[in-house]
């Protein structure tokens, strides 16, 4: 009973974060969806491609259920999953992510939480694992990268949130006042204490 509750809960959270990640692309130009937004080149469409690749590997190879999507061998990974090339369209990457969901969901639905898996890129003694541990790991990756996407999108146009239905109109005045309060507290805390 608890296994099904845990599995359903983890799976539901994963589904929620998948949608949130894709929502971060809504309304963006092709350039803004792809361009590097950090010093390390992190970009929104690259995050979608990366999370799709993570799911494809963990819910595919780990359980001897290879993804139907062509993936390079994990040993040959060179960071190509972190950005979209000129010839990869946004629609192609989103479609890859959605097909990966289907394959991942099939793995999750068909295996019990203690279903054995093997993650060859995890160091000893951890490569032998199970569906529960992989679901927690992938959910953590999804949450992490969706959070990155949220911050990147906020930097582009101020939009924040996990879902469109919860998005509120940006109150620039209230936002500026809040930032001023945080800035004041930071400067006050950093100021030398006078005796």
N, C-alpha and C. Protein backbone atom coordinates (compact mmCIF):
# COMPACT_ATOMS: atom_id res chain seq x y z
N UNK A 1 0.82 -1.19 0.00
CA UNK A 1 0.00 0.00 0.00
C UNK A 1 0.87 1.26 0.00
N UNK A 2 1.86 1.33 0.90
CA UNK A 2 2.72 2.51 0.97
C UNK A 2 3.56 2.64 -0.30
N UNK A 3 3.95 1.51 -0.89
CA UNK A 3 4.74 1.57 -2.12
C UNK A 3 3.97 2.26 -3.24
N UNK A 4 2.71 1.91 -3.41
CA UNK A 4 1.92 2.54 -4.48
C UNK A 4 1.70 4.01 -4.19
N UNK A 5 1.48 4.36 -2.92
CA UNK A 5 1.32 5.76 -2.55
C UNK A 5 2.60 6.54 -2.88
N UNK A 6 3.75 5.99 -2.48
CA UNK A 6 5.03 6.65 -2.74
C UNK A 6 5.29 6.78 -4.23
N UNK A 7 5.05 5.71 -4.96
CA UNK A 7 5.27 5.72 -6.41
C UNK A 7 4.37 6.75 -7.09
N UNK A 8 3.10 6.75 -6.74
CA UNK A 8 2.16 7.70 -7.34
C UNK A 8 2.54 9.15 -7.00
N UNK A 9 2.96 9.37 -5.77
CA UNK A 9 3.33 10.71 -5.34
C UNK A 9 4.56 11.20 -6.09
N UNK A 10 5.60 10.38 -6.15
CA UNK A 10 6.82 10.75 -6.87
C UNK A 10 6.54 10.97 -8.36
N UNK A 11 5.75 10.09 -8.93
CA UNK A 11 5.42 10.18 -10.36
C UNK A 11 4.61 11.46 -10.63
N UNK A 12 3.69 11.78 -9.76
CA UNK A 12 2.90 12.99 -9.91
C UNK A 12 3.76 14.24 -9.85
N UNK A 13 4.72 14.27 -8.94
CA UNK A 13 5.63 15.41 -8.83
C UNK A 13 6.49 15.53 -10.08
N UNK A 14 6.94 14.40 -10.60
CA UNK A 14 7.75 14.41 -11.82
C UNK A 14 6.93 14.97 -12.98
N UNK A 15 5.70 14.53 -13.11
CA UNK A 15 4.83 15.04 -14.18
C UNK A 15 4.62 16.55 -14.04
N UNK A 16 4.41 17.00 -12.83
CA UNK A 16 4.21 18.44 -12.58
C UNK A 16 5.43 19.24 -13.03
N UNK A 17 6.62 18.77 -12.66
CA UNK A 17 7.83 19.51 -12.98
C UNK A 17 8.16 19.45 -14.47
N UNK A 18 7.81 18.39 -15.15
CA UNK A 18 7.99 18.34 -16.60
C UNK A 18 7.22 19.47 -17.27
N UNK A 19 5.96 19.63 -16.88
CA UNK A 19 5.13 20.68 -17.47
C UNK A 19 5.67 22.06 -17.13
N UNK A 20 6.12 22.24 -15.89
CA UNK A 20 6.66 23.54 -15.48
C UNK A 20 7.89 23.89 -16.31
N UNK A 21 8.74 22.92 -16.55
CA UNK A 21 9.95 23.18 -17.34
C UNK A 21 9.59 23.62 -18.75
N UNK A 22 8.66 22.92 -19.38
CA UNK A 22 8.25 23.31 -20.74
C UNK A 22 7.59 24.68 -20.75
N UNK A 23 6.84 25.00 -19.71
CA UNK A 23 6.16 26.29 -19.64
C UNK A 23 7.17 27.44 -19.68
N UNK A 24 8.38 27.22 -19.21
CA UNK A 24 9.39 28.27 -19.20
C UNK A 24 9.77 28.72 -20.60
N UNK A 25 9.43 27.93 -21.62
CA UNK A 25 9.72 28.31 -23.01
C UNK A 25 8.60 29.12 -23.64
N UNK A 26 7.42 29.09 -23.05
CA UNK A 26 6.24 29.73 -23.66
C UNK A 26 6.48 31.21 -23.93
N UNK A 27 6.17 31.60 -25.17
CA UNK A 27 6.22 33.00 -25.55
C UNK A 27 7.60 33.56 -25.80
N UNK A 28 8.63 32.76 -25.69
CA UNK A 28 9.99 33.27 -25.92
C UNK A 28 10.36 33.20 -27.40
N UNK A 29 11.16 34.13 -27.82
CA UNK A 29 11.71 34.09 -29.18
C UNK A 29 12.66 32.90 -29.29
N UNK A 30 12.97 32.52 -30.50
CA UNK A 30 13.91 31.42 -30.72
C UNK A 30 15.26 31.76 -30.09
N UNK A 31 15.68 32.99 -30.24
CA UNK A 31 16.96 33.42 -29.67
C UNK A 31 16.95 33.33 -28.15
N UNK A 32 15.93 33.89 -27.50
CA UNK A 32 15.90 33.87 -26.04
C UNK A 32 15.78 32.46 -25.48
N UNK A 33 15.13 31.56 -26.19
CA UNK A 33 15.02 30.17 -25.72
C UNK A 33 16.36 29.44 -25.78
N UNK A 34 17.25 29.90 -26.65
CA UNK A 34 18.51 29.19 -26.91
C UNK A 34 19.77 29.86 -26.37
N UNK A 35 19.72 31.15 -26.18
CA UNK A 35 20.96 31.88 -25.91
C UNK A 35 21.51 31.58 -24.51
N UNK A 36 22.84 31.66 -24.37
CA UNK A 36 23.43 31.45 -23.05
C UNK A 36 23.03 32.57 -22.11
N UNK A 37 22.56 32.20 -20.94
CA UNK A 37 22.07 33.19 -19.97
C UNK A 37 22.90 33.21 -18.69
N UNK A 38 23.96 32.42 -18.65
CA UNK A 38 24.89 32.42 -17.52
C UNK A 38 26.31 32.37 -18.07
N UNK A 39 27.27 32.56 -17.21
CA UNK A 39 28.68 32.50 -17.63
C UNK A 39 29.07 31.12 -18.15
N UNK A 40 28.34 30.09 -17.71
CA UNK A 40 28.65 28.73 -18.16
C UNK A 40 27.81 28.29 -19.36
N UNK A 41 26.99 29.19 -19.89
CA UNK A 41 26.23 28.88 -21.10
C UNK A 41 24.86 28.27 -20.86
N UNK A 42 24.41 28.19 -19.63
CA UNK A 42 23.11 27.60 -19.37
C UNK A 42 22.03 28.36 -20.13
N UNK A 43 21.13 27.60 -20.75
CA UNK A 43 20.07 28.18 -21.58
C UNK A 43 18.81 27.35 -21.42
N UNK A 44 17.67 27.95 -21.70
CA UNK A 44 16.39 27.30 -21.42
C UNK A 44 16.14 26.06 -22.27
N UNK A 45 16.33 26.15 -23.57
CA UNK A 45 16.07 24.98 -24.41
C UNK A 45 17.07 23.87 -24.11
N UNK A 46 18.28 24.25 -23.77
CA UNK A 46 19.28 23.26 -23.37
C UNK A 46 18.89 22.53 -22.10
N UNK A 47 18.26 23.23 -21.17
CA UNK A 47 17.80 22.56 -19.95
C UNK A 47 16.74 21.51 -20.27
N UNK A 48 15.84 21.82 -21.20
CA UNK A 48 14.81 20.85 -21.60
C UNK A 48 15.48 19.63 -22.23
N UNK A 49 16.41 19.88 -23.13
CA UNK A 49 17.12 18.77 -23.80
C UNK A 49 17.89 17.93 -22.78
N UNK A 50 18.52 18.59 -21.83
CA UNK A 50 19.30 17.88 -20.81
C UNK A 50 18.41 17.01 -19.93
N UNK A 51 17.29 17.56 -19.46
CA UNK A 51 16.40 16.79 -18.59
C UNK A 51 15.78 15.63 -19.37
N UNK A 52 15.48 15.83 -20.64
CA UNK A 52 14.97 14.73 -21.47
C UNK A 52 16.01 13.62 -21.57
N UNK A 53 17.25 13.99 -21.74
CA UNK A 53 18.33 12.99 -21.83
C UNK A 53 18.51 12.26 -20.51
N UNK A 54 18.43 12.99 -19.40
CA UNK A 54 18.53 12.36 -18.08
C UNK A 54 17.44 11.31 -17.92
N UNK A 55 16.19 11.69 -18.21
CA UNK A 55 15.09 10.73 -18.09
C UNK A 55 15.29 9.53 -19.00
N UNK A 56 15.70 9.80 -20.23
CA UNK A 56 15.88 8.70 -21.20
C UNK A 56 16.91 7.70 -20.69
N UNK A 57 17.98 8.21 -20.10
CA UNK A 57 19.02 7.30 -19.59
C UNK A 57 18.55 6.55 -18.33
N UNK A 58 18.02 7.30 -17.37
CA UNK A 58 17.71 6.68 -16.09
C UNK A 58 16.52 5.73 -16.16
N UNK A 59 15.50 6.07 -16.92
CA UNK A 59 14.35 5.16 -16.99
C UNK A 59 14.45 4.22 -18.18
N UNK A 60 15.57 4.30 -18.88
CA UNK A 60 15.82 3.41 -20.01
C UNK A 60 16.95 2.45 -19.71
N UNK A 61 18.17 2.92 -19.95
CA UNK A 61 19.36 2.08 -19.81
C UNK A 61 19.47 1.42 -18.44
N UNK A 62 19.15 2.17 -17.40
CA UNK A 62 19.32 1.69 -16.03
C UNK A 62 18.49 0.43 -15.77
N UNK A 63 17.34 0.33 -16.45
CA UNK A 63 16.44 -0.82 -16.24
C UNK A 63 16.42 -1.74 -17.45
N UNK A 64 17.47 -1.66 -18.26
CA UNK A 64 17.60 -2.50 -19.46
C UNK A 64 16.38 -2.35 -20.36
N UNK A 65 15.92 -1.11 -20.47
CA UNK A 65 14.80 -0.75 -21.33
C UNK A 65 15.24 0.45 -22.17
N UNK A 66 16.22 0.23 -23.05
CA UNK A 66 16.81 1.36 -23.77
C UNK A 66 15.76 2.26 -24.42
N UNK A 67 16.04 3.53 -24.35
CA UNK A 67 15.17 4.52 -24.95
C UNK A 67 15.10 4.31 -26.46
N UNK A 68 13.93 4.47 -27.05
CA UNK A 68 13.84 4.37 -28.50
C UNK A 68 14.51 5.57 -29.19
N UNK A 69 14.83 6.60 -28.41
CA UNK A 69 15.51 7.78 -28.95
C UNK A 69 17.00 7.48 -29.10
N UNK A 70 17.61 7.96 -30.18
CA UNK A 70 19.06 7.75 -30.32
C UNK A 70 19.81 8.62 -29.29
N UNK A 71 20.59 7.96 -28.49
CA UNK A 71 21.42 8.65 -27.50
C UNK A 71 22.86 8.19 -27.67
N UNK A 72 23.82 9.11 -27.50
CA UNK A 72 25.20 8.64 -27.50
C UNK A 72 25.44 7.78 -26.27
N UNK A 73 26.44 6.93 -26.33
CA UNK A 73 26.80 6.14 -25.15
C UNK A 73 27.10 7.10 -24.01
N UNK A 74 26.71 6.73 -22.79
CA UNK A 74 26.93 7.62 -21.65
C UNK A 74 28.42 7.92 -21.49
N UNK A 75 29.28 6.98 -21.87
CA UNK A 75 30.72 7.18 -21.74
C UNK A 75 31.21 8.28 -22.68
N UNK A 76 30.46 8.53 -23.76
CA UNK A 76 30.86 9.52 -24.76
C UNK A 76 30.20 10.87 -24.55
N UNK A 77 29.49 11.03 -23.47
CA UNK A 77 28.78 12.29 -23.21
C UNK A 77 29.78 13.45 -23.18
N UNK A 78 29.48 14.48 -23.96
CA UNK A 78 30.41 15.61 -24.06
C UNK A 78 29.72 16.96 -23.85
N UNK A 79 28.54 16.95 -23.27
CA UNK A 79 27.84 18.20 -23.02
C UNK A 79 26.91 18.63 -24.13
N UNK A 80 26.78 17.83 -25.19
CA UNK A 80 25.88 18.17 -26.30
C UNK A 80 24.42 18.24 -25.87
N UNK A 81 24.11 17.61 -24.75
CA UNK A 81 22.71 17.62 -24.30
C UNK A 81 22.37 18.90 -23.54
N UNK A 82 23.29 19.84 -23.45
CA UNK A 82 23.06 21.06 -22.70
C UNK A 82 22.70 22.26 -23.56
N UNK A 83 22.63 22.07 -24.88
CA UNK A 83 22.29 23.17 -25.77
C UNK A 83 21.73 22.63 -27.08
N UNK A 84 21.01 23.50 -27.77
CA UNK A 84 20.39 23.11 -29.05
C UNK A 84 21.25 23.61 -30.20
N UNK A 85 21.58 22.70 -31.11
CA UNK A 85 22.35 23.10 -32.29
C UNK A 85 21.46 23.87 -33.25
N UNK A 86 22.07 24.49 -34.25
CA UNK A 86 21.31 25.30 -35.22
C UNK A 86 20.25 24.49 -35.95
N UNK A 87 20.54 23.22 -36.17
CA UNK A 87 19.61 22.39 -36.95
C UNK A 87 18.58 21.66 -36.09
N UNK A 88 18.62 21.84 -34.79
CA UNK A 88 17.60 21.25 -33.91
C UNK A 88 16.55 22.31 -33.60
N UNK A 89 15.31 22.00 -33.92
CA UNK A 89 14.26 22.98 -33.65
C UNK A 89 13.73 22.81 -32.23
N UNK A 90 13.11 23.86 -31.76
CA UNK A 90 12.47 23.81 -30.45
C UNK A 90 11.43 22.70 -30.43
N UNK A 91 10.64 22.61 -31.51
CA UNK A 91 9.61 21.57 -31.59
C UNK A 91 10.20 20.18 -31.53
N UNK A 92 11.35 19.97 -32.16
CA UNK A 92 12.00 18.65 -32.12
C UNK A 92 12.44 18.29 -30.70
N UNK A 93 13.00 19.25 -30.00
CA UNK A 93 13.48 18.98 -28.64
C UNK A 93 12.30 18.75 -27.70
N UNK A 94 11.25 19.55 -27.84
CA UNK A 94 10.06 19.34 -27.02
C UNK A 94 9.44 17.99 -27.32
N UNK A 95 9.38 17.61 -28.59
CA UNK A 95 8.81 16.30 -28.96
C UNK A 95 9.67 15.17 -28.39
N UNK A 96 10.99 15.33 -28.42
CA UNK A 96 11.89 14.34 -27.81
C UNK A 96 11.58 14.20 -26.32
N UNK A 97 11.40 15.32 -25.64
CA UNK A 97 11.09 15.30 -24.21
C UNK A 97 9.76 14.58 -23.98
N UNK A 98 8.76 14.90 -24.75
CA UNK A 98 7.45 14.27 -24.57
C UNK A 98 7.49 12.76 -24.87
N UNK A 99 8.22 12.36 -25.89
CA UNK A 99 8.36 10.91 -26.17
C UNK A 99 9.12 10.22 -25.04
N UNK A 100 10.09 10.93 -24.48
CA UNK A 100 10.83 10.40 -23.34
C UNK A 100 9.90 10.20 -22.15
N UNK A 101 8.97 11.14 -21.95
CA UNK A 101 8.00 10.98 -20.86
C UNK A 101 7.25 9.67 -21.02
N UNK A 102 6.80 9.39 -22.23
CA UNK A 102 6.03 8.17 -22.48
C UNK A 102 6.85 6.94 -22.12
N UNK A 103 8.11 6.92 -22.55
CA UNK A 103 8.97 5.78 -22.26
C UNK A 103 9.25 5.68 -20.76
N UNK A 104 9.53 6.82 -20.13
CA UNK A 104 9.78 6.83 -18.68
C UNK A 104 8.55 6.38 -17.91
N UNK A 105 7.38 6.91 -18.30
CA UNK A 105 6.15 6.54 -17.62
C UNK A 105 5.87 5.05 -17.75
N UNK A 106 6.17 4.47 -18.90
CA UNK A 106 5.97 3.03 -19.07
C UNK A 106 6.88 2.25 -18.12
N UNK A 107 8.12 2.69 -17.98
CA UNK A 107 9.04 2.03 -17.05
C UNK A 107 8.51 2.14 -15.62
N UNK A 108 8.11 3.35 -15.24
CA UNK A 108 7.61 3.58 -13.88
C UNK A 108 6.35 2.75 -13.63
N UNK A 109 5.45 2.71 -14.59
CA UNK A 109 4.20 1.97 -14.41
C UNK A 109 4.39 0.46 -14.36
N UNK A 110 5.36 -0.04 -15.09
CA UNK A 110 5.53 -1.49 -15.20
C UNK A 110 6.41 -2.11 -14.12
N UNK A 111 7.24 -1.31 -13.46
CA UNK A 111 8.14 -1.88 -12.47
C UNK A 111 7.69 -1.55 -11.05
N UNK A 112 7.94 -2.46 -10.10
CA UNK A 112 7.69 -2.14 -8.70
C UNK A 112 8.78 -1.20 -8.18
N UNK A 113 8.53 -0.53 -7.09
CA UNK A 113 9.52 0.39 -6.54
C UNK A 113 10.85 -0.28 -6.23
N UNK A 114 10.81 -1.56 -5.88
CA UNK A 114 12.07 -2.25 -5.61
C UNK A 114 12.64 -2.95 -6.84
N UNK A 115 12.07 -2.65 -8.03
CA UNK A 115 12.59 -3.22 -9.27
C UNK A 115 14.06 -2.86 -9.45
N UNK A 116 14.91 -3.86 -9.69
CA UNK A 116 16.35 -3.61 -9.74
C UNK A 116 16.79 -2.86 -11.00
N UNK A 117 17.77 -2.00 -10.80
CA UNK A 117 18.39 -1.28 -11.89
C UNK A 117 19.88 -1.19 -11.66
N UNK A 118 20.58 -0.81 -12.71
CA UNK A 118 22.04 -0.68 -12.62
C UNK A 118 22.46 0.61 -13.31
N UNK A 119 23.12 1.48 -12.55
CA UNK A 119 23.59 2.77 -13.07
C UNK A 119 25.11 2.69 -13.20
N UNK A 120 25.61 2.35 -14.39
CA UNK A 120 27.06 2.13 -14.54
C UNK A 120 27.90 3.37 -14.31
N UNK A 121 27.32 4.56 -14.42
CA UNK A 121 28.10 5.78 -14.21
C UNK A 121 28.12 6.22 -12.75
N UNK A 122 27.41 5.52 -11.86
CA UNK A 122 27.50 5.81 -10.43
C UNK A 122 28.68 5.03 -9.85
N UNK A 123 29.45 5.65 -8.96
CA UNK A 123 30.62 4.95 -8.40
C UNK A 123 30.20 3.85 -7.43
N UNK A 124 31.11 2.92 -7.24
CA UNK A 124 30.90 1.86 -6.25
C UNK A 124 30.71 2.49 -4.88
N UNK A 125 29.89 1.99 -4.03
CA UNK A 125 29.12 0.76 -4.13
C UNK A 125 27.68 1.01 -4.61
N UNK A 126 27.44 2.10 -5.30
CA UNK A 126 26.07 2.53 -5.60
C UNK A 126 25.46 2.10 -6.93
N UNK A 127 26.19 1.48 -7.88
CA UNK A 127 25.57 1.26 -9.19
C UNK A 127 24.33 0.37 -9.17
N UNK A 128 24.28 -0.58 -8.26
CA UNK A 128 23.09 -1.43 -8.18
C UNK A 128 22.06 -0.73 -7.31
N UNK A 129 20.90 -0.48 -7.91
CA UNK A 129 19.90 0.35 -7.26
C UNK A 129 18.52 -0.18 -7.57
N UNK A 130 17.50 0.65 -7.37
CA UNK A 130 16.13 0.23 -7.67
C UNK A 130 15.32 1.41 -8.20
N UNK A 131 14.10 1.14 -8.61
CA UNK A 131 13.25 2.17 -9.20
C UNK A 131 13.02 3.32 -8.23
N UNK A 132 12.81 3.03 -6.95
CA UNK A 132 12.56 4.09 -5.99
C UNK A 132 13.72 5.08 -5.97
N UNK A 133 14.94 4.58 -5.85
CA UNK A 133 16.12 5.46 -5.79
C UNK A 133 16.26 6.26 -7.09
N UNK A 134 15.97 5.65 -8.21
CA UNK A 134 16.09 6.35 -9.49
C UNK A 134 15.00 7.41 -9.62
N UNK A 135 13.79 7.09 -9.18
CA UNK A 135 12.72 8.10 -9.23
C UNK A 135 13.08 9.31 -8.38
N UNK A 136 13.61 9.08 -7.18
CA UNK A 136 14.01 10.18 -6.31
C UNK A 136 15.13 10.99 -6.97
N UNK A 137 16.10 10.29 -7.57
CA UNK A 137 17.22 10.96 -8.22
C UNK A 137 16.74 11.82 -9.40
N UNK A 138 15.92 11.25 -10.27
CA UNK A 138 15.45 11.98 -11.45
C UNK A 138 14.55 13.14 -11.04
N UNK A 139 13.72 12.92 -10.04
CA UNK A 139 12.89 14.02 -9.55
C UNK A 139 13.77 15.16 -9.03
N UNK A 140 14.82 14.81 -8.31
CA UNK A 140 15.76 15.84 -7.83
C UNK A 140 16.40 16.60 -8.98
N UNK A 141 16.81 15.88 -10.02
CA UNK A 141 17.39 16.54 -11.21
C UNK A 141 16.36 17.45 -11.87
N UNK A 142 15.14 16.97 -12.00
CA UNK A 142 14.08 17.76 -12.64
C UNK A 142 13.77 19.02 -11.84
N UNK A 143 13.66 18.89 -10.53
CA UNK A 143 13.39 20.04 -9.68
C UNK A 143 14.53 21.05 -9.79
N UNK A 144 15.74 20.55 -9.74
CA UNK A 144 16.92 21.42 -9.80
C UNK A 144 16.94 22.22 -11.10
N UNK A 145 16.76 21.54 -12.22
CA UNK A 145 16.85 22.22 -13.51
C UNK A 145 15.62 23.08 -13.80
N UNK A 146 14.47 22.70 -13.28
CA UNK A 146 13.29 23.56 -13.42
C UNK A 146 13.49 24.84 -12.61
N UNK A 147 14.14 24.73 -11.47
CA UNK A 147 14.48 25.93 -10.70
C UNK A 147 15.45 26.82 -11.46
N UNK A 148 16.44 26.21 -12.11
CA UNK A 148 17.35 27.00 -12.95
C UNK A 148 16.54 27.74 -14.02
N UNK A 149 15.64 27.01 -14.67
CA UNK A 149 14.84 27.61 -15.74
C UNK A 149 13.99 28.75 -15.21
N UNK A 150 13.46 28.61 -14.01
CA UNK A 150 12.64 29.66 -13.42
C UNK A 150 13.47 30.94 -13.24
N UNK A 151 14.67 30.80 -12.75
CA UNK A 151 15.53 31.97 -12.54
C UNK A 151 15.94 32.58 -13.89
N UNK A 152 16.27 31.73 -14.86
CA UNK A 152 16.64 32.25 -16.18
C UNK A 152 15.49 33.02 -16.81
N UNK A 153 14.29 32.46 -16.71
CA UNK A 153 13.14 33.13 -17.30
C UNK A 153 12.86 34.45 -16.58
N UNK A 154 12.99 34.47 -15.27
CA UNK A 154 12.80 35.71 -14.53
C UNK A 154 13.78 36.78 -15.01
N UNK A 155 15.02 36.36 -15.30
CA UNK A 155 16.02 37.29 -15.80
C UNK A 155 15.69 37.84 -17.18
N UNK A 156 14.97 37.06 -17.97
CA UNK A 156 14.62 37.52 -19.32
C UNK A 156 13.48 38.52 -19.32
N UNK A 157 12.40 38.18 -18.63
CA UNK A 157 11.21 39.05 -18.72
C UNK A 157 10.44 39.20 -17.41
N UNK A 158 11.03 38.72 -16.31
CA UNK A 158 10.39 38.90 -15.02
C UNK A 158 9.35 37.86 -14.67
N UNK A 159 9.04 36.94 -15.59
CA UNK A 159 8.00 35.93 -15.31
C UNK A 159 8.55 34.86 -14.38
N UNK A 160 7.74 34.49 -13.40
CA UNK A 160 8.13 33.46 -12.44
C UNK A 160 6.96 32.50 -12.23
N UNK A 161 7.21 31.44 -11.49
CA UNK A 161 6.14 30.53 -11.10
C UNK A 161 6.30 29.15 -11.70
N UNK A 162 5.45 28.25 -11.19
CA UNK A 162 5.52 26.86 -11.61
C UNK A 162 4.50 26.51 -12.68
N UNK A 163 3.40 27.27 -12.73
CA UNK A 163 2.37 26.95 -13.72
C UNK A 163 1.66 28.22 -14.17
N UNK A 164 1.21 28.20 -15.39
CA UNK A 164 0.55 29.37 -15.97
C UNK A 164 -0.65 29.81 -15.14
N UNK A 165 -1.41 28.87 -14.63
CA UNK A 165 -2.63 29.23 -13.91
C UNK A 165 -2.36 29.96 -12.59
N UNK A 166 -1.12 29.90 -12.10
CA UNK A 166 -0.78 30.61 -10.87
C UNK A 166 -0.01 31.90 -11.12
N UNK A 167 0.25 32.18 -12.37
CA UNK A 167 1.02 33.37 -12.69
C UNK A 167 0.19 34.63 -12.41
N UNK A 168 0.85 35.59 -11.78
CA UNK A 168 0.19 36.86 -11.48
C UNK A 168 0.83 37.96 -12.32
N UNK A 169 0.05 38.98 -12.58
CA UNK A 169 0.58 40.15 -13.28
C UNK A 169 1.74 40.71 -12.46
N UNK A 170 2.81 41.08 -13.12
CA UNK A 170 3.96 41.63 -12.42
C UNK A 170 3.64 43.04 -11.94
N UNK A 171 3.81 43.26 -10.65
CA UNK A 171 3.64 44.58 -10.05
C UNK A 171 5.05 45.16 -9.90
N UNK A 172 5.46 45.93 -10.89
CA UNK A 172 6.82 46.46 -10.93
C UNK A 172 7.15 47.31 -9.69
N UNK A 173 6.20 48.08 -9.24
CA UNK A 173 6.41 48.94 -8.08
C UNK A 173 6.67 48.11 -6.82
N UNK A 174 5.82 47.10 -6.60
CA UNK A 174 5.98 46.24 -5.42
C UNK A 174 7.29 45.45 -5.52
N UNK A 175 7.62 45.00 -6.72
CA UNK A 175 8.86 44.25 -6.91
C UNK A 175 10.07 45.14 -6.61
N UNK A 176 10.06 46.36 -7.09
CA UNK A 176 11.17 47.29 -6.85
C UNK A 176 11.30 47.61 -5.37
N UNK A 177 10.17 47.79 -4.68
CA UNK A 177 10.21 48.07 -3.24
C UNK A 177 10.78 46.90 -2.47
N UNK A 178 10.38 45.70 -2.84
CA UNK A 178 10.89 44.50 -2.17
C UNK A 178 12.40 44.39 -2.39
N UNK A 179 12.85 44.57 -3.63
CA UNK A 179 14.28 44.47 -3.92
C UNK A 179 15.07 45.53 -3.16
N UNK A 180 14.50 46.74 -3.05
CA UNK A 180 15.17 47.81 -2.30
C UNK A 180 15.32 47.44 -0.83
N UNK A 181 14.28 46.79 -0.26
CA UNK A 181 14.33 46.36 1.14
C UNK A 181 15.42 45.30 1.33
N UNK A 182 15.50 44.35 0.41
CA UNK A 182 16.52 43.30 0.49
C UNK A 182 17.91 43.91 0.34
N UNK A 183 18.06 44.83 -0.61
CA UNK A 183 19.35 45.51 -0.82
C UNK A 183 19.76 46.28 0.43
N UNK A 184 18.83 46.99 1.03
CA UNK A 184 19.13 47.74 2.25
C UNK A 184 19.61 46.80 3.37
N UNK A 185 18.92 45.69 3.55
CA UNK A 185 19.31 44.73 4.59
C UNK A 185 20.70 44.17 4.31
N UNK A 186 21.00 43.90 3.04
CA UNK A 186 22.32 43.35 2.68
C UNK A 186 23.42 44.38 2.96
N UNK A 187 23.18 45.62 2.56
CA UNK A 187 24.18 46.68 2.79
C UNK A 187 24.38 46.93 4.29
N UNK A 188 23.29 46.91 5.04
CA UNK A 188 23.38 47.13 6.49
C UNK A 188 24.16 46.01 7.16
N UNK A 189 23.91 44.80 6.75
CA UNK A 189 24.61 43.66 7.34
C UNK A 189 26.09 43.67 6.98
N UNK A 190 26.43 44.19 5.80
CA UNK A 190 27.82 44.20 5.34
C UNK A 190 28.60 45.40 5.87
N UNK A 191 27.91 46.40 6.37
CA UNK A 191 28.58 47.61 6.86
C UNK A 191 29.38 47.29 8.12
N UNK A 192 30.53 47.90 8.24
CA UNK A 192 31.31 47.66 9.47
C UNK A 192 30.57 48.22 10.70
N UNK A 193 30.71 47.51 11.78
CA UNK A 193 30.07 47.91 13.04
C UNK A 193 30.91 49.00 13.67
N UNK A 194 30.26 50.10 14.00
CA UNK A 194 30.96 51.22 14.64
C UNK A 194 30.89 51.06 16.15
N UNK A 195 32.03 51.25 16.77
CA UNK A 195 32.10 51.10 18.23
C UNK A 195 31.67 52.35 18.93
